[in-house]
Protein backbone atom coordinates (compact mmCIF):
# COMPACT_ATOMS: atom_id res chain seq x y z
CA MET A 1 12.42 -22.70 -36.65
CA LEU A 2 13.00 -23.00 -32.92
CA MET A 3 15.01 -25.85 -31.55
CA ALA A 4 13.64 -28.02 -28.75
CA GLY A 5 16.01 -26.49 -26.18
CA GLN A 6 14.96 -22.96 -27.06
CA THR A 7 11.29 -23.92 -26.91
CA TYR A 8 11.79 -25.53 -23.50
CA ARG A 9 13.59 -22.44 -22.14
CA LYS A 10 10.85 -20.17 -23.48
CA ALA A 11 8.19 -22.35 -21.84
CA GLU A 12 10.09 -22.18 -18.53
CA GLU A 13 10.25 -18.38 -18.80
CA VAL A 14 6.53 -18.16 -19.47
CA LEU A 15 5.72 -20.43 -16.52
CA GLU A 16 8.02 -18.45 -14.23
CA THR A 17 6.43 -15.17 -15.35
CA ASN A 18 2.96 -16.62 -14.76
CA ALA A 19 3.94 -17.74 -11.25
CA GLN A 20 5.34 -14.28 -10.46
CA THR A 21 2.19 -12.62 -11.81
CA GLN A 22 -0.03 -14.88 -9.74
CA ALA A 23 2.04 -14.22 -6.61
CA ALA A 24 1.85 -10.46 -7.20
CA ALA A 25 -1.91 -10.65 -7.75
CA ALA A 26 -2.34 -12.64 -4.53
CA ALA A 27 -0.24 -10.12 -2.60
CA GLN A 28 -2.29 -7.26 -4.06
CA ARG A 29 -5.58 -8.96 -3.11
CA GLU A 30 -4.29 -9.49 0.43
CA ALA A 31 -3.19 -5.86 0.71
CA GLN A 32 -6.56 -4.63 -0.55
CA GLN A 33 -8.33 -6.89 1.94
CA ARG A 34 -6.24 -5.53 4.81
CA LEU A 35 -6.88 -1.95 3.70
CA SER A 36 -10.61 -2.56 3.56
CA GLN A 37 -10.48 -3.78 7.16
CA LEU A 38 -8.74 -0.56 8.22
CA ARG A 39 -11.35 1.72 6.64
CA PRO A 40 -13.80 2.98 9.22
CA VAL A 41 -17.46 2.10 8.82
CA VAL A 42 -19.46 5.34 8.71
CA ARG A 43 -23.07 5.16 9.87
CA ASP A 44 -24.18 8.81 10.00
CA LYS A 45 -23.14 12.33 8.95
CA SER A 46 -21.55 13.31 12.27
CA GLU A 47 -19.42 10.17 12.27
CA GLN A 48 -18.44 10.86 8.66
CA ALA A 49 -17.36 14.41 9.63
CA ARG A 50 -15.31 12.99 12.53
CA VAL A 51 -13.54 10.51 10.24
CA ILE A 52 -12.78 13.26 7.69
CA ALA A 53 -11.41 15.52 10.45
CA GLN A 54 -9.20 12.73 11.77
CA THR A 55 -7.89 12.07 8.28
CA ILE A 56 -7.08 15.76 7.77
CA VAL A 57 -5.29 15.95 11.13
CA LEU A 58 -3.28 12.79 10.39
CA ASP A 59 -2.29 14.00 6.90
CA THR A 60 -1.29 17.40 8.31
CA TYR A 61 0.80 15.77 11.03
CA LYS A 62 2.58 13.56 8.49
CA ALA A 63 3.31 16.58 6.28
CA LEU A 64 4.69 18.51 9.26
CA GLU A 65 6.79 15.54 10.33
CA ARG A 66 8.38 15.29 6.88
CA GLY A 67 9.22 19.02 6.88
CA ILE A 68 10.79 19.21 10.34
CA PRO A 69 14.52 18.50 10.43
CA PRO A 70 15.72 15.63 12.65
CA GLY A 71 16.77 16.76 16.12
CA SER A 72 14.54 19.83 16.05
CA SER A 73 12.82 20.79 19.29
CA LEU A 74 9.51 20.95 17.42
CA ARG A 75 9.92 17.32 16.39
CA THR A 76 10.57 16.46 20.05
CA LEU A 77 7.42 18.30 21.10
CA LEU A 78 5.31 16.51 18.49
CA GLY A 79 6.55 13.16 19.74
């Protein structure tokens, strides 16, 4: 049988966990909302192709940037 003090502590832990879960869910909703605002709105096929090409170029640039050692002249050229 649990004592009153133990029950109270357990209730506090549950409430604290619930508050943390709610805060995390709110942060996740906000992040998803911001991401949805960043996604381009595509109206036709040519615009969709342009968006896909831009995404490929950006991903390629990021991959190159990670692979180039700091201080390299290539990194300087890429900006």
